[in-house]
N, C-alpha and C. Protein backbone atom coordinates (compact mmCIF):
# COMPACT_ATOMS: atom_id res chain seq x y z
N MET A 1 -55.12 -25.09 -71.11
CA MET A 1 -53.84 -24.28 -71.08
C MET A 1 -52.71 -25.24 -70.95
N SER A 2 -51.63 -24.83 -71.58
CA SER A 2 -50.40 -25.65 -71.56
C SER A 2 -49.56 -25.24 -70.31
N VAL A 3 -48.56 -26.05 -70.04
CA VAL A 3 -47.65 -25.77 -68.94
C VAL A 3 -46.96 -24.45 -69.12
N THR A 4 -46.62 -24.12 -70.35
CA THR A 4 -45.94 -22.83 -70.67
C THR A 4 -46.87 -21.68 -70.38
N ASP A 5 -48.15 -21.79 -70.71
CA ASP A 5 -49.14 -20.70 -70.43
C ASP A 5 -49.26 -20.49 -68.95
N HIS A 6 -49.28 -21.58 -68.16
CA HIS A 6 -49.41 -21.46 -66.69
C HIS A 6 -48.18 -20.77 -66.15
N ARG A 7 -46.99 -21.07 -66.64
CA ARG A 7 -45.76 -20.41 -66.18
C ARG A 7 -45.74 -18.92 -66.51
N ARG A 8 -46.16 -18.61 -67.71
CA ARG A 8 -46.24 -17.19 -68.07
C ARG A 8 -47.22 -16.43 -67.22
N LEU A 9 -48.35 -17.04 -66.97
CA LEU A 9 -49.34 -16.40 -66.10
C LEU A 9 -48.80 -16.25 -64.66
N GLY A 10 -48.08 -17.25 -64.16
CA GLY A 10 -47.44 -17.17 -62.83
C GLY A 10 -46.41 -16.09 -62.78
N VAL A 11 -45.56 -15.96 -63.82
CA VAL A 11 -44.51 -14.94 -63.87
C VAL A 11 -45.21 -13.56 -63.90
N ALA A 12 -46.22 -13.36 -64.69
CA ALA A 12 -46.92 -12.13 -64.76
C ALA A 12 -47.57 -11.73 -63.45
N ALA A 13 -48.17 -12.68 -62.79
CA ALA A 13 -48.80 -12.39 -61.49
C ALA A 13 -47.75 -12.05 -60.46
N GLY A 14 -46.66 -12.74 -60.48
CA GLY A 14 -45.54 -12.45 -59.57
C GLY A 14 -45.00 -11.06 -59.79
N ALA A 15 -44.85 -10.69 -61.04
CA ALA A 15 -44.35 -9.33 -61.37
C ALA A 15 -45.25 -8.24 -60.82
N VAL A 16 -46.52 -8.48 -60.97
CA VAL A 16 -47.53 -7.50 -60.45
C VAL A 16 -47.47 -7.40 -58.98
N LEU A 17 -47.39 -8.53 -58.25
CA LEU A 17 -47.28 -8.48 -56.82
C LEU A 17 -46.00 -7.85 -56.33
N LEU A 18 -44.90 -8.09 -56.99
CA LEU A 18 -43.63 -7.52 -56.65
C LEU A 18 -43.67 -5.99 -56.84
N THR A 19 -44.30 -5.53 -57.90
CA THR A 19 -44.48 -4.08 -58.13
C THR A 19 -45.24 -3.43 -57.01
N PHE A 20 -46.34 -4.03 -56.61
CA PHE A 20 -47.09 -3.51 -55.49
C PHE A 20 -46.32 -3.47 -54.17
N ALA A 21 -45.55 -4.54 -53.94
CA ALA A 21 -44.76 -4.61 -52.70
C ALA A 21 -43.68 -3.53 -52.66
N VAL A 22 -42.99 -3.30 -53.80
CA VAL A 22 -41.96 -2.31 -53.83
C VAL A 22 -42.58 -0.96 -53.69
N ALA A 23 -43.71 -0.67 -54.34
CA ALA A 23 -44.37 0.61 -54.23
C ALA A 23 -44.79 0.88 -52.76
N GLY A 24 -45.27 -0.10 -52.09
CA GLY A 24 -45.71 0.01 -50.69
C GLY A 24 -44.53 0.33 -49.78
N CYS A 25 -43.42 -0.28 -49.98
CA CYS A 25 -42.24 -0.07 -49.14
C CYS A 25 -41.59 1.28 -49.36
N SER A 26 -41.74 1.85 -50.55
CA SER A 26 -41.08 3.11 -50.84
C SER A 26 -41.99 4.31 -50.61
N GLY A 27 -43.15 4.09 -50.02
CA GLY A 27 -44.11 5.19 -49.83
C GLY A 27 -43.55 6.23 -48.85
N LEU A 28 -43.97 7.46 -49.08
CA LEU A 28 -43.53 8.57 -48.20
C LEU A 28 -44.15 8.51 -46.83
N GLY A 29 -45.18 7.74 -46.63
CA GLY A 29 -45.86 7.66 -45.36
C GLY A 29 -45.26 6.62 -44.41
N ARG A 30 -44.10 6.05 -44.70
CA ARG A 30 -43.60 4.99 -43.86
C ARG A 30 -43.09 5.56 -42.52
N THR A 31 -43.02 4.68 -41.57
CA THR A 31 -42.62 5.08 -40.21
C THR A 31 -41.28 4.49 -39.84
N SER A 32 -40.73 4.94 -38.73
CA SER A 32 -39.42 4.52 -38.30
C SER A 32 -39.37 3.19 -37.55
N VAL A 33 -40.49 2.67 -37.18
CA VAL A 33 -40.64 1.37 -36.46
C VAL A 33 -39.83 1.39 -35.17
N GLY A 34 -40.48 1.75 -34.09
CA GLY A 34 -39.83 1.78 -32.82
C GLY A 34 -40.24 3.02 -32.06
N THR A 35 -39.54 3.32 -30.95
CA THR A 35 -39.85 4.47 -30.17
C THR A 35 -38.64 5.37 -29.96
N ILE A 36 -38.93 6.59 -29.71
CA ILE A 36 -37.97 7.59 -29.26
C ILE A 36 -38.38 8.00 -27.85
N VAL A 37 -37.48 7.88 -26.93
CA VAL A 37 -37.77 8.23 -25.56
C VAL A 37 -36.85 9.35 -25.14
N TYR A 38 -37.38 10.43 -24.61
CA TYR A 38 -36.51 11.51 -24.16
C TYR A 38 -37.04 12.14 -22.89
N GLU A 39 -36.09 12.82 -22.23
CA GLU A 39 -36.46 13.58 -21.03
C GLU A 39 -36.49 15.02 -21.42
N SER A 40 -37.57 15.68 -21.09
CA SER A 40 -37.76 17.11 -21.43
C SER A 40 -36.95 17.94 -20.42
N GLY A 41 -36.88 19.21 -20.73
CA GLY A 41 -36.11 20.16 -19.89
C GLY A 41 -36.67 20.22 -18.46
N ASN A 42 -37.98 19.93 -18.31
CA ASN A 42 -38.56 19.96 -16.96
C ASN A 42 -38.66 18.53 -16.33
N LYS A 43 -37.79 17.65 -16.78
CA LYS A 43 -37.61 16.32 -16.20
C LYS A 43 -38.81 15.36 -16.47
N ARG A 44 -39.61 15.62 -17.48
CA ARG A 44 -40.70 14.75 -17.83
C ARG A 44 -40.30 13.77 -18.94
N GLU A 45 -40.62 12.46 -18.80
CA GLU A 45 -40.32 11.53 -19.82
C GLU A 45 -41.33 11.51 -20.90
N VAL A 46 -40.91 11.59 -22.15
CA VAL A 46 -41.79 11.62 -23.33
C VAL A 46 -41.42 10.44 -24.22
N GLN A 47 -42.44 9.78 -24.79
CA GLN A 47 -42.18 8.68 -25.66
C GLN A 47 -43.01 8.87 -26.94
N GLU A 48 -42.33 8.74 -28.10
CA GLU A 48 -43.00 8.85 -29.41
C GLU A 48 -42.84 7.51 -30.07
N SER A 49 -43.97 6.93 -30.51
CA SER A 49 -43.93 5.59 -31.13
C SER A 49 -44.10 5.76 -32.67
N ASN A 50 -43.24 5.09 -33.41
CA ASN A 50 -43.32 4.98 -34.82
C ASN A 50 -43.50 6.32 -35.55
N PRO A 51 -42.66 7.31 -35.29
CA PRO A 51 -42.77 8.58 -36.02
C PRO A 51 -42.49 8.34 -37.50
N ARG A 52 -43.03 9.23 -38.34
CA ARG A 52 -42.77 9.18 -39.79
C ARG A 52 -41.32 9.40 -40.08
N VAL A 53 -40.84 8.74 -41.10
CA VAL A 53 -39.42 8.86 -41.46
C VAL A 53 -39.12 10.23 -42.13
N THR A 54 -40.09 10.81 -42.80
CA THR A 54 -39.84 12.04 -43.53
C THR A 54 -40.17 13.27 -42.70
N GLY A 55 -39.52 14.35 -43.02
CA GLY A 55 -39.85 15.67 -42.42
C GLY A 55 -39.09 15.92 -41.12
N CYS A 56 -39.32 17.13 -40.60
CA CYS A 56 -38.73 17.62 -39.39
C CYS A 56 -39.72 17.40 -38.29
N HIS A 57 -39.31 16.92 -37.12
CA HIS A 57 -40.20 16.62 -36.02
C HIS A 57 -39.81 17.54 -34.85
N ARG A 58 -40.73 18.23 -34.30
CA ARG A 58 -40.50 19.10 -33.12
C ARG A 58 -40.62 18.30 -31.91
N LEU A 59 -39.82 18.61 -30.91
CA LEU A 59 -39.94 18.01 -29.53
C LEU A 59 -40.83 18.90 -28.70
N VAL A 60 -41.16 18.46 -27.52
CA VAL A 60 -42.06 19.25 -26.63
C VAL A 60 -41.38 20.59 -26.36
N PRO A 61 -42.17 21.60 -25.96
CA PRO A 61 -41.59 22.88 -25.61
C PRO A 61 -40.57 22.67 -24.47
N GLY A 62 -39.46 23.31 -24.58
CA GLY A 62 -38.38 23.12 -23.60
C GLY A 62 -37.34 22.13 -24.13
N GLY A 63 -37.67 21.37 -25.16
CA GLY A 63 -36.72 20.49 -25.76
C GLY A 63 -36.37 19.22 -24.98
N ALA A 64 -35.35 18.52 -25.42
CA ALA A 64 -34.90 17.30 -24.78
C ALA A 64 -33.48 17.41 -24.29
N VAL A 65 -33.23 16.89 -23.08
CA VAL A 65 -31.91 16.94 -22.52
C VAL A 65 -31.22 15.56 -22.52
N ASP A 66 -32.06 14.51 -22.73
CA ASP A 66 -31.58 13.12 -22.78
C ASP A 66 -32.48 12.36 -23.72
N LEU A 67 -31.94 11.77 -24.77
CA LEU A 67 -32.77 11.11 -25.79
C LEU A 67 -32.17 9.77 -26.15
N THR A 68 -33.06 8.76 -26.26
CA THR A 68 -32.65 7.40 -26.68
C THR A 68 -33.38 7.07 -27.95
N ASN A 69 -32.71 6.66 -28.98
CA ASN A 69 -33.27 6.28 -30.29
C ASN A 69 -33.48 4.78 -30.26
N ARG A 70 -34.73 4.33 -30.07
CA ARG A 70 -35.06 2.91 -30.08
C ARG A 70 -35.80 2.57 -31.38
N THR A 71 -35.49 3.27 -32.45
CA THR A 71 -36.10 2.96 -33.75
C THR A 71 -35.14 2.16 -34.61
N LEU A 72 -35.54 1.78 -35.78
CA LEU A 72 -34.64 1.14 -36.71
C LEU A 72 -33.98 2.02 -37.72
N VAL A 73 -34.07 3.38 -37.44
CA VAL A 73 -33.54 4.40 -38.34
C VAL A 73 -32.67 5.38 -37.56
N ASP A 74 -31.52 5.72 -38.13
CA ASP A 74 -30.66 6.75 -37.47
C ASP A 74 -31.32 8.11 -37.56
N MET A 75 -30.93 9.01 -36.67
CA MET A 75 -31.52 10.31 -36.61
C MET A 75 -30.49 11.42 -36.38
N LYS A 76 -30.90 12.66 -36.65
CA LYS A 76 -30.06 13.82 -36.36
C LYS A 76 -30.89 14.74 -35.48
N MET A 77 -30.29 15.21 -34.41
CA MET A 77 -30.95 16.12 -33.49
C MET A 77 -30.47 17.55 -33.74
N TYR A 78 -31.37 18.51 -33.58
CA TYR A 78 -31.05 19.92 -33.81
C TYR A 78 -31.42 20.75 -32.59
N ARG A 79 -30.76 21.87 -32.41
CA ARG A 79 -31.05 22.80 -31.27
C ARG A 79 -32.10 23.82 -31.67
N THR A 80 -32.55 23.82 -32.91
CA THR A 80 -33.58 24.73 -33.38
C THR A 80 -34.89 23.94 -33.61
N PRO A 81 -36.06 24.60 -33.56
CA PRO A 81 -37.32 23.90 -33.73
C PRO A 81 -37.62 23.51 -35.20
N ASP A 82 -36.77 23.94 -36.16
CA ASP A 82 -37.06 23.63 -37.57
C ASP A 82 -35.93 22.81 -38.26
N CYS A 83 -35.21 22.05 -37.51
CA CYS A 83 -34.18 21.18 -38.09
C CYS A 83 -33.15 21.99 -38.92
N SER A 84 -32.79 23.13 -38.46
CA SER A 84 -31.82 23.97 -39.16
C SER A 84 -30.63 24.25 -38.26
N GLY A 85 -29.63 24.93 -38.78
CA GLY A 85 -28.51 25.36 -37.95
C GLY A 85 -27.32 24.38 -38.15
N LYS A 86 -26.17 24.89 -37.83
CA LYS A 86 -24.94 24.07 -38.02
C LYS A 86 -24.66 23.13 -36.92
N TYR A 87 -25.27 23.27 -35.76
CA TYR A 87 -25.05 22.33 -34.66
C TYR A 87 -26.08 21.23 -34.64
N SER A 88 -25.64 20.01 -34.92
CA SER A 88 -26.57 18.88 -34.88
C SER A 88 -25.80 17.72 -34.30
N GLN A 89 -26.56 16.73 -33.87
CA GLN A 89 -25.97 15.49 -33.28
C GLN A 89 -26.57 14.31 -33.93
N TYR A 90 -25.74 13.40 -34.44
CA TYR A 90 -26.11 12.16 -35.05
C TYR A 90 -26.30 11.11 -34.00
N ILE A 91 -27.49 10.50 -33.97
CA ILE A 91 -27.77 9.39 -32.98
C ILE A 91 -28.21 8.15 -33.77
N ALA A 92 -27.34 7.19 -33.80
CA ALA A 92 -27.62 5.96 -34.51
C ALA A 92 -28.70 5.16 -33.79
N THR A 93 -29.26 4.21 -34.48
CA THR A 93 -30.29 3.33 -33.86
C THR A 93 -29.77 2.68 -32.65
N THR A 94 -30.63 2.56 -31.64
CA THR A 94 -30.34 1.97 -30.28
C THR A 94 -29.36 2.73 -29.45
N LEU A 95 -28.92 3.92 -29.84
CA LEU A 95 -28.01 4.74 -29.01
C LEU A 95 -28.72 5.89 -28.39
N ASN A 96 -28.04 6.62 -27.49
CA ASN A 96 -28.64 7.78 -26.84
C ASN A 96 -27.66 8.88 -26.78
N ASP A 97 -28.16 10.08 -26.37
CA ASP A 97 -27.37 11.28 -26.21
C ASP A 97 -27.88 12.07 -25.03
N VAL A 98 -26.95 12.56 -24.20
CA VAL A 98 -27.28 13.42 -23.09
C VAL A 98 -26.54 14.70 -23.28
N ILE A 99 -27.25 15.86 -23.22
CA ILE A 99 -26.53 17.13 -23.44
C ILE A 99 -25.77 17.52 -22.16
N ALA A 100 -24.78 18.35 -22.30
CA ALA A 100 -23.99 18.78 -21.19
C ALA A 100 -24.80 19.79 -20.38
N PRO A 101 -24.56 19.81 -19.06
CA PRO A 101 -25.30 20.76 -18.22
C PRO A 101 -25.08 22.19 -18.72
N GLY A 102 -26.17 22.92 -18.82
CA GLY A 102 -26.11 24.30 -19.28
C GLY A 102 -26.17 24.50 -20.77
N ALA A 103 -26.07 23.40 -21.54
CA ALA A 103 -26.16 23.48 -23.01
C ALA A 103 -27.57 23.63 -23.49
N THR A 104 -27.76 24.15 -24.65
CA THR A 104 -29.11 24.33 -25.20
C THR A 104 -29.66 22.94 -25.54
N PRO A 105 -30.92 22.66 -25.12
CA PRO A 105 -31.51 21.33 -25.39
C PRO A 105 -31.81 21.13 -26.87
N TRP A 106 -32.01 19.84 -27.23
CA TRP A 106 -32.41 19.53 -28.58
C TRP A 106 -33.92 19.90 -28.75
N ARG A 107 -34.25 20.56 -29.83
CA ARG A 107 -35.61 21.01 -30.04
C ARG A 107 -36.30 20.32 -31.24
N SER A 108 -35.58 19.65 -32.08
CA SER A 108 -36.19 18.97 -33.26
C SER A 108 -35.24 17.84 -33.70
N TYR A 109 -35.84 16.99 -34.55
CA TYR A 109 -35.03 15.91 -35.08
C TYR A 109 -35.54 15.52 -36.51
N ARG A 110 -34.63 14.86 -37.27
CA ARG A 110 -34.90 14.40 -38.62
C ARG A 110 -34.28 13.05 -38.76
N PHE A 111 -34.96 12.14 -39.48
CA PHE A 111 -34.38 10.80 -39.66
C PHE A 111 -33.43 10.85 -40.87
N VAL A 112 -32.39 10.03 -40.78
CA VAL A 112 -31.36 9.92 -41.83
C VAL A 112 -31.77 8.66 -42.62
N HIS A 113 -32.18 8.84 -43.84
CA HIS A 113 -32.62 7.67 -44.65
C HIS A 113 -32.16 7.82 -46.11
């Protein structure tokens, strides 16, 4: 094989590997990398590790009154169990939110991606 043939083979192999890498990173099964820590309505601490980035996620019954986003992805909190309604709260990565006393707790969340 000539030097040119080796280079073409190397470029082709690199293109195949890059295609697989991009396909793996864009998969729908990816996770948020990190934890979400929240206090439930009955003062119990709950921790969720590496939740999926896609879909709506329900919180424990009773919801969350204090939540810290320790993931690498921003999130939106909802007062309904199905991530619907006009009242939501945006919580960027590494930030937290505490609801006001007497307010309805957060019941679900969705990642912003």
